[in-house]
Amino acid sequence: MKKSTLKSMTTITIIKSKNGEYKEVTCKGHAGYADAGNDIVCCAISMLVINTINSLNKLTGAPMEVNSDEESGFIDCMFTESLDEGSILLLDSMILGLQSVVSEYGRKYLKLKFKEV
């Protein structure tokens, strides 16, 4: 498998309030592990993030606004109200999965950032 010659990385920023409430999740860029269509790292990241957002919408009805641009690898999910326990569990699970991707493939392809507002 030929790796992509483009220098890229996915950066995911998790923003929480000072009291630990989720406020926003932003995902930018493509992993760059392999060429488009063969990039298992980008696929794993996309599945974790998109499935979580879809689950928040369908299973918990989380109050959120979502914007995305598939070409640039951009997804932004802003929570407009406090989340219930089910929504928090889904986001915690997504982060656990993303941390596993970082552990397996390294920070060269995925950078997780945590911010407090």
PDB file of N, CA and C in Angstrom:
ATOM      1  N   MET A   1       0.840  -1.171   0.000  1.00  0.00           N
ATOM      2  CA  MET A   1       0.000   0.000   0.000  1.00  0.00           C
ATOM      3  C   MET A   1       0.884   1.233   0.000  1.00  0.00           C
ATOM      4  N   LYS A   2       0.663   2.090  -0.952  1.00  0.00           N
ATOM      5  CA  LYS A   2       1.441   3.310  -1.083  1.00  0.00           C
ATOM      6  C   LYS A   2       0.865   4.403  -0.190  1.00  0.00           C
ATOM      7  N   LYS A   3       1.709   4.988   0.626  1.00  0.00           N
ATOM      8  CA  LYS A   3       1.261   6.076   1.486  1.00  0.00           C
ATOM      9  C   LYS A   3       1.134   7.359   0.682  1.00  0.00           C
ATOM     10  N   SER A   4       0.220   8.192   1.145  1.00  0.00           N
ATOM     11  CA  SER A   4      -0.021   9.460   0.478  1.00  0.00           C
ATOM     12  C   SER A   4       1.216  10.354   0.556  1.00  0.00           C
ATOM     13  N   THR A   5       1.475  11.073  -0.501  1.00  0.00           N
ATOM     14  CA  THR A   5       2.607  11.992  -0.508  1.00  0.00           C
ATOM     15  C   THR A   5       2.225  13.330   0.117  1.00  0.00           C
ATOM     16  N   LEU A   6       0.922  13.547   0.319  1.00  0.00           N
ATOM     17  CA  LEU A   6       0.472  14.788   0.939  1.00  0.00           C
ATOM     18  C   LEU A   6       0.709  14.734   2.444  1.00  0.00           C
ATOM     19  N   LYS A   7       1.240  15.815   2.980  1.00  0.00           N
ATOM     20  CA  LYS A   7       1.391  15.900   4.427  1.00  0.00           C
ATOM     21  C   LYS A   7       0.051  16.336   4.990  1.00  0.00           C
ATOM     22  N   SER A   8      -0.509  15.475   5.803  1.00  0.00           N
ATOM     23  CA  SER A   8      -1.785  15.817   6.394  1.00  0.00           C
ATOM     24  C   SER A   8      -1.930  15.106   7.737  1.00  0.00           C
ATOM     25  N   MET A   9      -2.951  15.476   8.427  1.00  0.00           N
ATOM     26  CA  MET A   9      -3.245  14.903   9.717  1.00  0.00           C
ATOM     27  C   MET A   9      -4.666  15.328  10.067  1.00  0.00           C
ATOM     28  N   THR A  10      -5.337  14.496  10.829  1.00  0.00           N
ATOM     29  CA  THR A  10      -6.638  14.885  11.357  1.00  0.00           C
ATOM     30  C   THR A  10      -6.418  15.463  12.742  1.00  0.00           C
ATOM     31  N   THR A  11      -7.036  16.595  13.000  1.00  0.00           N
ATOM     32  CA  THR A  11      -7.009  17.199  14.326  1.00  0.00           C
ATOM     33  C   THR A  11      -8.434  17.250  14.847  1.00  0.00           C
ATOM     34  N   ILE A  12      -8.640  16.685  16.022  1.00  0.00           N
ATOM     35  CA  ILE A  12      -9.957  16.722  16.653  1.00  0.00           C
ATOM     36  C   ILE A  12      -9.826  17.501  17.944  1.00  0.00           C
ATOM     37  N   THR A  13     -10.669  18.516  18.077  1.00  0.00           N
ATOM     38  CA  THR A  13     -10.669  19.355  19.273  1.00  0.00           C
ATOM     39  C   THR A  13     -11.971  19.111  20.031  1.00  0.00           C
ATOM     40  N   ILE A  14     -11.830  18.728  21.283  1.00  0.00           N
ATOM     41  CA  ILE A  14     -12.962  18.502  22.177  1.00  0.00           C
ATOM     42  C   ILE A  14     -13.005  19.693  23.132  1.00  0.00           C
ATOM     43  N   ILE A  15     -14.105  20.426  23.103  1.00  0.00           N
ATOM     44  CA  ILE A  15     -14.226  21.614  23.952  1.00  0.00           C
ATOM     45  C   ILE A  15     -15.269  21.341  25.037  1.00  0.00           C
ATOM     46  N   LYS A  16     -14.831  21.582  26.284  1.00  0.00           N
ATOM     47  CA  LYS A  16     -15.721  21.414  27.437  1.00  0.00           C
ATOM     48  C   LYS A  16     -15.736  22.706  28.245  1.00  0.00           C
ATOM     49  N   SER A  17     -16.798  22.876  29.013  1.00  0.00           N
ATOM     50  CA  SER A  17     -16.883  24.021  29.911  1.00  0.00           C
ATOM     51  C   SER A  17     -16.008  23.763  31.137  1.00  0.00           C
ATOM     52  N   LYS A  18     -15.844  24.771  31.960  1.00  0.00           N
ATOM     53  CA  LYS A  18     -15.039  24.628  33.180  1.00  0.00           C
ATOM     54  C   LYS A  18     -15.597  23.560  34.112  1.00  0.00           C
ATOM     55  N   ASN A  19     -16.915  23.326  34.052  1.00  0.00           N
ATOM     56  CA  ASN A  19     -17.499  22.286  34.910  1.00  0.00           C
ATOM     57  C   ASN A  19     -17.610  20.932  34.200  1.00  0.00           C
ATOM     58  N   GLY A  20     -16.944  20.778  33.051  1.00  0.00           N
ATOM     59  CA  GLY A  20     -16.822  19.487  32.382  1.00  0.00           C
ATOM     60  C   GLY A  20     -17.914  19.142  31.389  1.00  0.00           C
ATOM     61  N   GLU A  21     -18.806  20.079  31.071  1.00  0.00           N
ATOM     62  CA  GLU A  21     -19.862  19.811  30.090  1.00  0.00           C
ATOM     63  C   GLU A  21     -19.309  19.924  28.671  1.00  0.00           C
ATOM     64  N   TYR A  22     -19.676  18.945  27.840  1.00  0.00           N
ATOM     65  CA  TYR A  22     -19.293  19.018  26.427  1.00  0.00           C
ATOM     66  C   TYR A  22     -19.953  20.228  25.783  1.00  0.00           C
ATOM     67  N   LYS A  23     -19.160  21.003  25.019  1.00  0.00           N
ATOM     68  CA  LYS A  23     -19.671  22.172  24.309  1.00  0.00           C
ATOM     69  C   LYS A  23     -19.572  22.006  22.796  1.00  0.00           C
ATOM     70  N   GLU A  24     -18.468  21.389  22.325  1.00  0.00           N
ATOM     71  CA  GLU A  24     -18.242  21.304  20.880  1.00  0.00           C
ATOM     72  C   GLU A  24     -17.192  20.242  20.574  1.00  0.00           C
ATOM     73  N   VAL A  25     -17.361  19.621  19.407  1.00  0.00           N
ATOM     74  CA  VAL A  25     -16.372  18.684  18.868  1.00  0.00           C
ATOM     75  C   VAL A  25     -16.102  19.126  17.438  1.00  0.00           C
ATOM     76  N   THR A  26     -14.832  19.383  17.134  1.00  0.00           N
ATOM     77  CA  THR A  26     -14.444  19.799  15.785  1.00  0.00           C
ATOM     78  C   THR A  26     -13.390  18.844  15.244  1.00  0.00           C
ATOM     79  N   CYS A  27     -13.613  18.382  14.028  1.00  0.00           N
ATOM     80  CA  CYS A  27     -12.700  17.461  13.350  1.00  0.00           C
ATOM     81  C   CYS A  27     -12.262  18.133  12.052  1.00  0.00           C
ATOM     82  N   LYS A  28     -10.933  18.221  11.852  1.00  0.00           N
ATOM     83  CA  LYS A  28     -10.402  18.880  10.653  1.00  0.00           C
ATOM     84  C   LYS A  28      -9.335  18.012  10.000  1.00  0.00           C
ATOM     85  N   GLY A  29      -9.413  17.905   8.690  1.00  0.00           N
ATOM     86  CA  GLY A  29      -8.352  17.280   7.908  1.00  0.00           C
ATOM     87  C   GLY A  29      -8.521  15.790   7.694  1.00  0.00           C
ATOM     88  N   HIS A  30      -7.662  15.280   6.842  1.00  0.00           N
ATOM     89  CA  HIS A  30      -7.606  13.850   6.534  1.00  0.00           C
ATOM     90  C   HIS A  30      -6.332  13.275   7.138  1.00  0.00           C
ATOM     91  N   ALA A  31      -6.392  12.032   7.574  1.00  0.00           N
ATOM     92  CA  ALA A  31      -5.279  11.423   8.303  1.00  0.00           C
ATOM     93  C   ALA A  31      -3.980  11.360   7.490  1.00  0.00           C
ATOM     94  N   GLY A  32      -4.074  11.020   6.224  1.00  0.00           N
ATOM     95  CA  GLY A  32      -2.866  10.933   5.404  1.00  0.00           C
ATOM     96  C   GLY A  32      -2.072   9.665   5.617  1.00  0.00           C
ATOM     97  N   TYR A  33      -2.676   8.640   6.174  1.00  0.00           N
ATOM     98  CA  TYR A  33      -1.997   7.358   6.386  1.00  0.00           C
ATOM     99  C   TYR A  33      -1.756   6.646   5.056  1.00  0.00           C
ATOM    100  N   ALA A  34      -2.725   6.756   4.158  1.00  0.00           N
ATOM    101  CA  ALA A  34      -2.629   6.136   2.833  1.00  0.00           C
ATOM    102  C   ALA A  34      -3.425   6.990   1.849  1.00  0.00           C
ATOM    103  N   ASP A  35      -3.366   6.625   0.586  1.00  0.00           N
ATOM    104  CA  ASP A  35      -4.112   7.359  -0.432  1.00  0.00           C
ATOM    105  C   ASP A  35      -5.613   7.270  -0.166  1.00  0.00           C
ATOM    106  N   ALA A  36      -6.337   8.270  -0.633  1.00  0.00           N
ATOM    107  CA  ALA A  36      -7.791   8.297  -0.481  1.00  0.00           C
ATOM    108  C   ALA A  36      -8.389   6.992  -0.987  1.00  0.00           C
ATOM    109  N   GLY A  37      -9.328   6.468  -0.247  1.00  0.00           N
ATOM    110  CA  GLY A  37      -9.954   5.199  -0.597  1.00  0.00           C
ATOM    111  C   GLY A  37      -9.288   4.002   0.044  1.00  0.00           C
ATOM    112  N   ASN A  38      -8.052   4.172   0.505  1.00  0.00           N
ATOM    113  CA  ASN A  38      -7.312   3.094   1.160  1.00  0.00           C
ATOM    114  C   ASN A  38      -6.839   3.473   2.557  1.00  0.00           C
ATOM    115  N   ASP A  39      -7.261   4.613   3.030  1.00  0.00           N
ATOM    116  CA  ASP A  39      -6.759   5.135   4.302  1.00  0.00           C
ATOM    117  C   ASP A  39      -7.586   4.593   5.468  1.00  0.00           C
ATOM    118  N   ILE A  40      -7.092   3.516   6.076  1.00  0.00           N
ATOM    119  CA  ILE A  40      -7.838   2.878   7.168  1.00  0.00           C
ATOM    120  C   ILE A  40      -7.891   3.746   8.420  1.00  0.00           C
ATOM    121  N   VAL A  41      -6.899   4.603   8.622  1.00  0.00           N
ATOM    122  CA  VAL A  41      -6.910   5.487   9.788  1.00  0.00           C
ATOM    123  C   VAL A  41      -7.985   6.555   9.612  1.00  0.00           C
ATOM    124  N   CYS A  42      -8.039   7.167   8.456  1.00  0.00           N
ATOM    125  CA  CYS A  42      -9.063   8.177   8.170  1.00  0.00           C
ATOM    126  C   CYS A  42     -10.451   7.542   8.265  1.00  0.00           C
ATOM    127  N   CYS A  43     -10.582   6.326   7.777  1.00  0.00           N
ATOM    128  CA  CYS A  43     -11.851   5.607   7.833  1.00  0.00           C
ATOM    129  C   CYS A  43     -12.270   5.368   9.285  1.00  0.00           C
ATOM    130  N   ALA A  44     -11.338   4.933  10.109  1.00  0.00           N
ATOM    131  CA  ALA A  44     -11.640   4.674  11.524  1.00  0.00           C
ATOM    132  C   ALA A  44     -12.087   5.958  12.232  1.00  0.00           C
ATOM    133  N   ILE A  45     -11.359   7.029  11.983  1.00  0.00           N
ATOM    134  CA  ILE A  45     -11.697   8.322  12.596  1.00  0.00           C
ATOM    135  C   ILE A  45     -13.080   8.770  12.135  1.00  0.00           C
ATOM    136  N   SER A  46     -13.317   8.699  10.834  1.00  0.00           N
ATOM    137  CA  SER A  46     -14.603   9.118  10.279  1.00  0.00           C
ATOM    138  C   SER A  46     -15.749   8.306  10.858  1.00  0.00           C
ATOM    139  N   MET A  47     -15.572   7.005  10.939  1.00  0.00           N
ATOM    140  CA  MET A  47     -16.630   6.143  11.471  1.00  0.00           C
ATOM    141  C   MET A  47     -16.923   6.476  12.934  1.00  0.00           C
ATOM    142  N   LEU A  48     -15.900   6.675  13.719  1.00  0.00           N
ATOM    143  CA  LEU A  48     -16.115   7.007  15.132  1.00  0.00           C
ATOM    144  C   LEU A  48     -16.858   8.332  15.281  1.00  0.00           C
ATOM    145  N   VAL A  49     -16.413   9.348  14.577  1.00  0.00           N
ATOM    146  CA  VAL A  49     -17.007  10.682  14.708  1.00  0.00           C
ATOM    147  C   VAL A  49     -18.415  10.720  14.116  1.00  0.00           C
ATOM    148  N   ILE A  50     -18.573  10.240  12.895  1.00  0.00           N
ATOM    149  CA  ILE A  50     -19.874  10.299  12.231  1.00  0.00           C
ATOM    150  C   ILE A  50     -20.897   9.417  12.947  1.00  0.00           C
ATOM    151  N   ASN A  51     -20.493   8.211  13.347  1.00  0.00           N
ATOM    152  CA  ASN A  51     -21.429   7.337  14.059  1.00  0.00           C
ATOM    153  C   ASN A  51     -21.858   7.961  15.388  1.00  0.00           C
ATOM    154  N   THR A  52     -20.939   8.621  16.071  1.00  0.00           N
ATOM    155  CA  THR A  52     -21.297   9.274  17.328  1.00  0.00           C
ATOM    156  C   THR A  52     -22.297  10.396  17.092  1.00  0.00           C
ATOM    157  N   ILE A  53     -22.049  11.224  16.098  1.00  0.00           N
ATOM    158  CA  ILE A  53     -22.975  12.323  15.800  1.00  0.00           C
ATOM    159  C   ILE A  53     -24.343  11.774  15.390  1.00  0.00           C
ATOM    160  N   ASN A  54     -24.353  10.745  14.544  1.00  0.00           N
ATOM    161  CA  ASN A  54     -25.623  10.138  14.141  1.00  0.00           C
ATOM    162  C   ASN A  54     -26.349   9.522  15.343  1.00  0.00           C
ATOM    163  N   SER A  55     -25.603   8.872  16.227  1.00  0.00           N
ATOM    164  CA  SER A  55     -26.196   8.275  17.428  1.00  0.00           C
ATOM    165  C   SER A  55     -26.738   9.346  18.366  1.00  0.00           C
ATOM    166  N   LEU A  56     -25.995  10.432  18.519  1.00  0.00           N
ATOM    167  CA  LEU A  56     -26.489  11.544  19.340  1.00  0.00           C
ATOM    168  C   LEU A  56     -27.814  12.062  18.794  1.00  0.00           C
ATOM    169  N   ASN A  57     -27.909  12.150  17.490  1.00  0.00           N
ATOM    170  CA  ASN A  57     -29.120  12.649  16.843  1.00  0.00           C
ATOM    171  C   ASN A  57     -30.277  11.652  16.972  1.00  0.00           C
ATOM    172  N   LYS A  58     -30.058  10.413  16.572  1.00  0.00           N
ATOM    173  CA  LYS A  58     -31.136   9.420  16.497  1.00  0.00           C
ATOM    174  C   LYS A  58     -31.497   8.797  17.846  1.00  0.00           C
ATOM    175  N   LEU A  59     -30.503   8.555  18.697  1.00  0.00           N
ATOM    176  CA  LEU A  59     -30.763   7.810  19.930  1.00  0.00           C
ATOM    177  C   LEU A  59     -31.030   8.686  21.141  1.00  0.00           C
ATOM    178  N   THR A  60     -30.421   9.861  21.188  1.00  0.00           N
ATOM    179  CA  THR A  60     -30.588  10.697  22.380  1.00  0.00           C
ATOM    180  C   THR A  60     -31.256  12.033  22.085  1.00  0.00           C
ATOM    181  N   GLY A  61     -31.343  12.407  20.814  1.00  0.00           N
ATOM    182  CA  GLY A  61     -31.932  13.700  20.465  1.00  0.00           C
ATOM    183  C   GLY A  61     -31.141  14.870  21.024  1.00  0.00           C
ATOM    184  N   ALA A  62     -29.828  14.699  21.106  1.00  0.00           N
ATOM    185  CA  ALA A  62     -28.967  15.745  21.666  1.00  0.00           C
ATOM    186  C   ALA A  62     -29.175  17.081  20.945  1.00  0.00           C
ATOM    187  N   PRO A  63     -29.257  18.171  21.707  1.00  0.00           N
ATOM    188  CA  PRO A  63     -29.418  19.496  21.104  1.00  0.00           C
ATOM    189  C   PRO A  63     -28.102  19.970  20.492  1.00  0.00           C
ATOM    190  N   MET A  64     -28.020  19.968  19.162  1.00  0.00           N
ATOM    191  CA  MET A  64     -26.741  20.281  18.521  1.00  0.00           C
ATOM    192  C   MET A  64     -26.949  20.877  17.146  1.00  0.00           C
ATOM    193  N   GLU A  65     -25.894  21.563  16.701  1.00  0.00           N
ATOM    194  CA  GLU A  65     -25.820  22.083  15.345  1.00  0.00           C
ATOM    195  C   GLU A  65     -24.588  21.461  14.710  1.00  0.00           C
ATOM    196  N   VAL A  66     -24.749  20.881  13.524  1.00  0.00           N
ATOM    197  CA  VAL A  66     -23.650  20.189  12.853  1.00  0.00           C
ATOM    198  C   VAL A  66     -23.390  20.834  11.500  1.00  0.00           C
ATOM    199  N   ASN A  67     -22.120  21.104  11.219  1.00  0.00           N
ATOM    200  CA  ASN A  67     -21.684  21.593   9.918  1.00  0.00           C
ATOM    201  C   ASN A  67     -20.564  20.687   9.444  1.00  0.00           C
ATOM    202  N   SER A  68     -20.504  20.453   8.140  1.00  0.00           N
ATOM    203  CA  SER A  68     -19.445  19.578   7.629  1.00  0.00           C
ATOM    204  C   SER A  68     -19.083  19.916   6.188  1.00  0.00           C
ATOM    205  N   ASP A  69     -17.888  19.491   5.823  1.00  0.00           N
ATOM    206  CA  ASP A  69     -17.402  19.587   4.454  1.00  0.00           C
ATOM    207  C   ASP A  69     -16.543  18.346   4.215  1.00  0.00           C
ATOM    208  N   GLU A  70     -17.119  17.364   3.522  1.00  0.00           N
ATOM    209  CA  GLU A  70     -16.457  16.075   3.326  1.00  0.00           C
ATOM    210  C   GLU A  70     -15.107  16.208   2.628  1.00  0.00           C
ATOM    211  N   GLU A  71     -15.025  17.055   1.634  1.00  0.00           N
ATOM    212  CA  GLU A  71     -13.789  17.190   0.856  1.00  0.00           C
ATOM    213  C   GLU A  71     -12.598  17.589   1.726  1.00  0.00           C
ATOM    214  N   SER A  72     -12.815  18.535   2.628  1.00  0.00           N
ATOM    215  CA  SER A  72     -11.712  18.991   3.480  1.00  0.00           C
ATOM    216  C   SER A  72     -11.603  18.195   4.772  1.00  0.00           C
ATOM    217  N   GLY A  73     -12.555  17.292   5.017  1.00  0.00           N
ATOM    218  CA  GLY A  73     -12.519  16.501   6.235  1.00  0.00           C
ATOM    219  C   GLY A  73     -12.942  17.294   7.461  1.00  0.00           C
ATOM    220  N   PHE A  74     -13.863  18.229   7.276  1.00  0.00           N
ATOM    221  CA  PHE A  74     -14.291  19.096   8.369  1.00  0.00           C
ATOM    222  C   PHE A  74     -15.665  18.681   8.892  1.00  0.00           C
ATOM    223  N   ILE A  75     -15.763  18.511  10.199  1.00  0.00           N
ATOM    224  CA  ILE A  75     -17.045  18.286  10.873  1.00  0.00           C
ATOM    225  C   ILE A  75     -17.005  19.089  12.164  1.00  0.00           C
ATOM    226  N   ASP A  76     -18.047  19.866  12.387  1.00  0.00           N
ATOM    227  CA  ASP A  76     -18.161  20.624  13.629  1.00  0.00           C
ATOM    228  C   ASP A  76     -19.522  20.319  14.241  1.00  0.00           C
ATOM    229  N   CYS A  77     -19.508  19.933  15.501  1.00  0.00           N
ATOM    230  CA  CYS A  77     -20.732  19.614  16.219  1.00  0.00           C
ATOM    231  C   CYS A  77     -20.749  20.463  17.493  1.00  0.00           C
ATOM    232  N   MET A  78     -21.651  21.447  17.519  1.00  0.00           N
ATOM    233  CA  MET A  78     -21.754  22.342  18.669  1.00  0.00           C
ATOM    234  C   MET A  78     -23.034  22.004  19.430  1.00  0.00           C
ATOM    235  N   PHE A  79     -22.896  21.822  20.745  1.00  0.00           N
ATOM    236  CA  PHE A  79     -24.033  21.485  21.587  1.00  0.00           C
ATOM    237  C   PHE A  79     -24.673  22.771  22.097  1.00  0.00           C
ATOM    238  N   THR A  80     -25.974  22.895  21.860  1.00  0.00           N
ATOM    239  CA  THR A  80     -26.677  24.137  22.152  1.00  0.00           C
ATOM    240  C   THR A  80     -27.295  24.163  23.553  1.00  0.00           C
ATOM    241  N   GLU A  81     -27.308  23.008  24.215  1.00  0.00           N
ATOM    242  CA  GLU A  81     -27.806  22.895  25.589  1.00  0.00           C
ATOM    243  C   GLU A  81     -26.999  21.806  26.289  1.00  0.00           C
ATOM    244  N   SER A  82     -27.208  21.681  27.597  1.00  0.00           N
ATOM    245  CA  SER A  82     -26.548  20.618  28.357  1.00  0.00           C
ATOM    246  C   SER A  82     -27.000  19.251  27.844  1.00  0.00           C
ATOM    247  N   LEU A  83     -26.095  18.285  27.905  1.00  0.00           N
ATOM    248  CA  LEU A  83     -26.371  16.940  27.404  1.00  0.00           C
ATOM    249  C   LEU A  83     -26.802  16.009  28.531  1.00  0.00           C
ATOM    250  N   ASP A  84     -27.607  15.010  28.160  1.00  0.00           N
ATOM    251  CA  ASP A  84     -28.025  14.010  29.144  1.00  0.00           C
ATOM    252  C   ASP A  84     -26.939  12.935  29.281  1.00  0.00           C
ATOM    253  N   GLU A  85     -27.143  12.016  30.226  1.00  0.00           N
ATOM    254  CA  GLU A  85     -26.144  10.980  30.510  1.00  0.00           C
ATOM    255  C   GLU A  85     -25.839  10.104  29.303  1.00  0.00           C
ATOM    256  N   GLY A  86     -26.877   9.783  28.516  1.00  0.00           N
ATOM    257  CA  GLY A  86     -26.671   8.947  27.332  1.00  0.00           C
ATOM    258  C   GLY A  86     -25.776   9.622  26.305  1.00  0.00           C
ATOM    259  N   SER A  87     -25.988  10.917  26.101  1.00  0.00           N
ATOM    260  CA  SER A  87     -25.168  11.673  25.151  1.00  0.00           C
ATOM    261  C   SER A  87     -23.724  11.758  25.628  1.00  0.00           C
ATOM    262  N   ILE A  88     -23.559  11.985  26.916  1.00  0.00           N
ATOM    263  CA  ILE A  88     -22.213  12.063  27.494  1.00  0.00           C
ATOM    264  C   ILE A  88     -21.494  10.733  27.328  1.00  0.00           C
ATOM    265  N   LEU A  89     -22.191   9.635  27.560  1.00  0.00           N
ATOM    266  CA  LEU A  89     -21.599   8.306  27.399  1.00  0.00           C
ATOM    267  C   LEU A  89     -21.159   8.072  25.950  1.00  0.00           C
ATOM    268  N   LEU A  90     -21.989   8.474  24.997  1.00  0.00           N
ATOM    269  CA  LEU A  90     -21.616   8.314  23.588  1.00  0.00           C
ATOM    270  C   LEU A  90     -20.349   9.107  23.257  1.00  0.00           C
ATOM    271  N   LEU A  91     -20.247  10.330  23.741  1.00  0.00           N
ATOM    272  CA  LEU A  91     -19.057  11.154  23.485  1.00  0.00           C
ATOM    273  C   LEU A  91     -17.831  10.587  24.191  1.00  0.00           C
ATOM    274  N   ASP A  92     -18.003  10.113  25.415  1.00  0.00           N
ATOM    275  CA  ASP A  92     -16.886   9.478  26.127  1.00  0.00           C
ATOM    276  C   ASP A  92     -16.395   8.251  25.363  1.00  0.00           C
ATOM    277  N   SER A  93     -17.330   7.483  24.815  1.00  0.00           N
ATOM    278  CA  SER A  93     -16.986   6.292  24.038  1.00  0.00           C
ATOM    279  C   SER A  93     -16.234   6.668  22.762  1.00  0.00           C
ATOM    280  N   MET A  94     -16.671   7.737  22.087  1.00  0.00           N
ATOM    281  CA  MET A  94     -15.975   8.206  20.882  1.00  0.00           C
ATOM    282  C   MET A  94     -14.531   8.571  21.219  1.00  0.00           C
ATOM    283  N   ILE A  95     -14.346   9.289  22.315  1.00  0.00           N
ATOM    284  CA  ILE A  95     -12.999   9.697  22.713  1.00  0.00           C
ATOM    285  C   ILE A  95     -12.134   8.479  23.017  1.00  0.00           C
ATOM    286  N   LEU A  96     -12.697   7.485  23.688  1.00  0.00           N
ATOM    287  CA  LEU A  96     -11.961   6.241  23.965  1.00  0.00           C
ATOM    288  C   LEU A  96     -11.497   5.596  22.661  1.00  0.00           C
ATOM    289  N   GLY A  97     -12.389   5.537  21.671  1.00  0.00           N
ATOM    290  CA  GLY A  97     -12.031   4.969  20.371  1.00  0.00           C
ATOM    291  C   GLY A  97     -10.954   5.775  19.666  1.00  0.00           C
ATOM    292  N   LEU A  98     -11.080   7.106  19.715  1.00  0.00           N
ATOM    293  CA  LEU A  98     -10.075   7.968  19.078  1.00  0.00           C
ATOM    294  C   LEU A  98      -8.720   7.843  19.758  1.00  0.00           C
ATOM    295  N   GLN A  99      -8.711   7.722  21.083  1.00  0.00           N
ATOM    296  CA  GLN A  99      -7.456   7.522  21.805  1.00  0.00           C
ATOM    297  C   GLN A  99      -6.817   6.191  21.418  1.00  0.00           C
ATOM    298  N   SER A 100      -7.626   5.179  21.123  1.00  0.00           N
ATOM    299  CA  SER A 100      -7.103   3.897  20.652  1.00  0.00           C
ATOM    300  C   SER A 100      -6.457   4.030  19.279  1.00  0.00           C
ATOM    301  N   VAL A 101      -7.050   4.848  18.415  1.00  0.00           N
ATOM    302  CA  VAL A 101      -6.461   5.098  17.090  1.00  0.00           C
ATOM    303  C   VAL A 101      -5.098   5.770  17.259  1.00  0.00           C
ATOM    304  N   VAL A 102      -5.013   6.754  18.148  1.00  0.00           N
ATOM    305  CA  VAL A 102      -3.727   7.423  18.401  1.00  0.00           C
ATOM    306  C   VAL A 102      -2.712   6.419  18.939  1.00  0.00           C
ATOM    307  N   SER A 103      -3.126   5.569  19.866  1.00  0.00           N
ATOM    308  CA  SER A 103      -2.214   4.567  20.438  1.00  0.00           C
ATOM    309  C   SER A 103      -1.703   3.597  19.382  1.00  0.00           C
ATOM    310  N   GLU A 104      -2.582   3.195  18.475  1.00  0.00           N
ATOM    311  CA  GLU A 104      -2.226   2.201  17.458  1.00  0.00           C
ATOM    312  C   GLU A 104      -1.408   2.796  16.308  1.00  0.00           C
ATOM    313  N   TYR A 105      -1.759   4.005  15.856  1.00  0.00           N
ATOM    314  CA  TYR A 105      -1.145   4.564  14.654  1.00  0.00           C
ATOM    315  C   TYR A 105      -0.292   5.802  14.898  1.00  0.00           C
ATOM    316  N   GLY A 106      -0.424   6.409  16.041  1.00  0.00           N
ATOM    317  CA  GLY A 106       0.440   7.536  16.397  1.00  0.00           C
ATOM    318  C   GLY A 106      -0.144   8.901  16.122  1.00  0.00           C
ATOM    319  N   ARG A 107       0.473   9.896  16.749  1.00  0.00           N
ATOM    320  CA  ARG A 107       0.038  11.288  16.633  1.00  0.00           C
ATOM    321  C   ARG A 107       0.363  11.896  15.265  1.00  0.00           C
ATOM    322  N   LYS A 108       1.098  11.173  14.461  1.00  0.00           N
ATOM    323  CA  LYS A 108       1.416  11.645  13.116  1.00  0.00           C
ATOM    324  C   LYS A 108       0.151  11.750  12.251  1.00  0.00           C
ATOM    325  N   TYR A 109      -0.853  10.926  12.580  1.00  0.00           N
ATOM    326  CA  TYR A 109      -2.066  10.871  11.772  1.00  0.00           C
ATOM    327  C   TYR A 109      -3.293  11.468  12.462  1.00  0.00           C
ATOM    328  N   LEU A 110      -3.299  11.453  13.805  1.00  0.00           N
ATOM    329  CA  LEU A 110      -4.434  11.981  14.549  1.00  0.00           C
ATOM    330  C   LEU A 110      -3.932  12.710  15.790  1.00  0.00           C
ATOM    331  N   LYS A 111      -4.350  13.950  15.904  1.00  0.00           N
ATOM    332  CA  LYS A 111      -4.021  14.748  17.086  1.00  0.00           C
ATOM    333  C   LYS A 111      -5.320  15.061  17.806  1.00  0.00           C
ATOM    334  N   LEU A 112      -5.401  14.677  19.076  1.00  0.00           N
ATOM    335  CA  LEU A 112      -6.554  14.995  19.910  1.00  0.00           C
ATOM    336  C   LEU A 112      -6.196  16.166  20.792  1.00  0.00           C
ATOM    337  N   LYS A 113      -7.042  17.184  20.763  1.00  0.00           N
ATOM    338  CA  LYS A 113      -6.820  18.369  21.599  1.00  0.00           C
ATOM    339  C   LYS A 113      -8.043  18.553  22.504  1.00  0.00           C
ATOM    340  N   PHE A 114      -7.776  18.935  23.736  1.00  0.00           N
ATOM    341  CA  PHE A 114      -8.859  19.183  24.688  1.00  0.00           C
ATOM    342  C   PHE A 114      -8.741  20.625  25.149  1.00  0.00           C
ATOM    343  N   LYS A 115      -9.857  21.355  25.066  1.00  0.00           N
ATOM    344  CA  LYS A 115      -9.879  22.753  25.470  1.00  0.00           C
ATOM    345  C   LYS A 115     -10.979  22.980  26.495  1.00  0.00           C
ATOM    346  N   GLU A 116     -10.738  23.936  27.368  1.00  0.00           N
ATOM    347  CA  GLU A 116     -11.729  24.329  28.353  1.00  0.00           C
ATOM    348  C   GLU A 116     -12.143  25.771  28.093  1.00  0.00           C
ATOM    349  N   VAL A 117     -13.453  26.018  28.093  1.00  0.00           N
ATOM    350  CA  VAL A 117     -13.962  27.374  27.877  1.00  0.00           C
ATOM    351  C   VAL A 117     -14.801  27.833  29.050  1.00  0.00           C
TER     352      VAL A 117
END
